[in-house]
Amino acid sequence: MKLIMKTEFDNLRLNDKHSYLADSNGDKQVIKIYCGEKLIAKKMVLKKSVRFFAIKEYQDYLTAD
């Protein structure tokens, strides 16, 4: 997975064709976005650090706004 921008992550998250799950454990929070059964992106929050990751071909899943 590689780092992506917040706007790209939001584009993937707001797409009706994708589902997402949120999981938190203490200070760490992870939001994973799936297209069917395939994990395509995730957001990791650890204290004040926020990082957005996606698979290499994530641009195929973006919608045109």
C-alpha atoms as a PDB file:
ATOM      1  CA  MET A   1       0.000   0.000   0.000  1.00  0.00           C
ATOM      2  CA  LYS A   2       1.096   3.561  -0.629  1.00  0.00           C
ATOM      3  CA  LEU A   3       0.259   6.947   0.873  1.00  0.00           C
ATOM      4  CA  ILE A   4      -2.586   8.903  -0.730  1.00  0.00           C
ATOM      5  CA  MET A   5      -4.229  12.276  -0.110  1.00  0.00           C
ATOM      6  CA  LYS A   6      -7.257  12.774   2.161  1.00  0.00           C
ATOM      7  CA  THR A   7      -9.433  13.905  -0.768  1.00  0.00           C
ATOM      8  CA  GLU A   8      -8.718  10.661  -2.638  1.00  0.00           C
ATOM      9  CA  PHE A   9      -9.563   8.635   0.470  1.00  0.00           C
ATOM     10  CA  ASP A  10     -12.837  10.555   0.899  1.00  0.00           C
ATOM     11  CA  ASN A  11     -13.682   9.921  -2.758  1.00  0.00           C
ATOM     12  CA  LEU A  12     -13.269   6.166  -2.186  1.00  0.00           C
ATOM     13  CA  ARG A  13     -15.199   6.240   1.109  1.00  0.00           C
ATOM     14  CA  LEU A  14     -18.183   8.171  -0.271  1.00  0.00           C
ATOM     15  CA  ASN A  15     -18.620   5.883  -3.295  1.00  0.00           C
ATOM     16  CA  ASP A  16     -21.854   3.870  -2.882  1.00  0.00           C
ATOM     17  CA  LYS A  17     -20.229   0.810  -4.479  1.00  0.00           C
ATOM     18  CA  HIS A  18     -17.686   0.566  -1.642  1.00  0.00           C
ATOM     19  CA  SER A  19     -18.187  -0.496   1.959  1.00  0.00           C
ATOM     20  CA  TYR A  20     -16.074   0.409   4.955  1.00  0.00           C
ATOM     21  CA  LEU A  21     -15.408  -0.850   8.473  1.00  0.00           C
ATOM     22  CA  ALA A  22     -14.089   1.110  11.447  1.00  0.00           C
ATOM     23  CA  ASP A  23     -12.078  -0.436  14.261  1.00  0.00           C
ATOM     24  CA  SER A  24     -10.546   1.246  17.275  1.00  0.00           C
ATOM     25  CA  ASN A  25      -8.202  -0.094  19.909  1.00  0.00           C
ATOM     26  CA  GLY A  26      -7.090   2.394  22.533  1.00  0.00           C
ATOM     27  CA  ASP A  27      -5.368   5.314  20.802  1.00  0.00           C
ATOM     28  CA  LYS A  28      -5.325   3.593  17.406  1.00  0.00           C
ATOM     29  CA  GLN A  29      -8.227   3.823  14.942  1.00  0.00           C
ATOM     30  CA  VAL A  30      -8.348   2.102  11.543  1.00  0.00           C
ATOM     31  CA  ILE A  31     -10.952   2.592   8.813  1.00  0.00           C
ATOM     32  CA  LYS A  32     -10.791   0.078   5.953  1.00  0.00           C
ATOM     33  CA  ILE A  33     -12.534   0.520   2.593  1.00  0.00           C
ATOM     34  CA  TYR A  34     -13.539  -2.541   0.582  1.00  0.00           C
ATOM     35  CA  CYS A  35     -14.724  -3.033  -2.975  1.00  0.00           C
ATOM     36  CA  GLY A  36     -16.522  -6.346  -2.689  1.00  0.00           C
ATOM     37  CA  GLU A  37     -14.085  -8.520  -0.720  1.00  0.00           C
ATOM     38  CA  LYS A  38     -10.961  -6.603  -1.794  1.00  0.00           C
ATOM     39  CA  LEU A  39      -9.321  -4.133   0.593  1.00  0.00           C
ATOM     40  CA  ILE A  40      -8.555  -1.009  -1.461  1.00  0.00           C
ATOM     41  CA  ALA A  41      -7.754   1.675   1.144  1.00  0.00           C
ATOM     42  CA  LYS A  42      -7.326   2.347   4.841  1.00  0.00           C
ATOM     43  CA  LYS A  43      -7.001   5.295   7.196  1.00  0.00           C
ATOM     44  CA  MET A  44      -4.876   4.975  10.318  1.00  0.00           C
ATOM     45  CA  VAL A  45      -5.152   7.407  13.225  1.00  0.00           C
ATOM     46  CA  LEU A  46      -2.620   7.073  16.028  1.00  0.00           C
ATOM     47  CA  LYS A  47      -2.807   9.860  18.598  1.00  0.00           C
ATOM     48  CA  LYS A  48      -2.463  12.985  16.405  1.00  0.00           C
ATOM     49  CA  SER A  49      -1.006  11.241  13.351  1.00  0.00           C
ATOM     50  CA  VAL A  50      -3.406  10.551  10.458  1.00  0.00           C
ATOM     51  CA  ARG A  51      -2.276   8.561   7.420  1.00  0.00           C
ATOM     52  CA  PHE A  52      -4.169   7.417   4.335  1.00  0.00           C
ATOM     53  CA  PHE A  53      -3.099   4.333   2.379  1.00  0.00           C
ATOM     54  CA  ALA A  54      -4.374   2.639  -0.782  1.00  0.00           C
ATOM     55  CA  ILE A  55      -3.444  -0.183  -3.096  1.00  0.00           C
ATOM     56  CA  LYS A  56      -1.290   0.581  -6.135  1.00  0.00           C
ATOM     57  CA  GLU A  57      -4.244   0.612  -8.590  1.00  0.00           C
ATOM     58  CA  TYR A  58      -6.564   2.670  -6.339  1.00  0.00           C
ATOM     59  CA  GLN A  59      -7.126   5.244  -9.108  1.00  0.00           C
ATOM     60  CA  ASP A  60      -9.243   2.660 -10.957  1.00  0.00           C
ATOM     61  CA  TYR A  61     -11.754   2.888  -8.067  1.00  0.00           C
ATOM     62  CA  LEU A  62     -12.022   6.714  -7.923  1.00  0.00           C
ATOM     63  CA  THR A  63     -15.178   8.436  -9.174  1.00  0.00           C
ATOM     64  CA  ALA A  64     -15.043  11.470 -11.424  1.00  0.00           C
ATOM     65  CA  ASP A  65     -16.268  14.531  -9.514  1.00  0.00           C
END
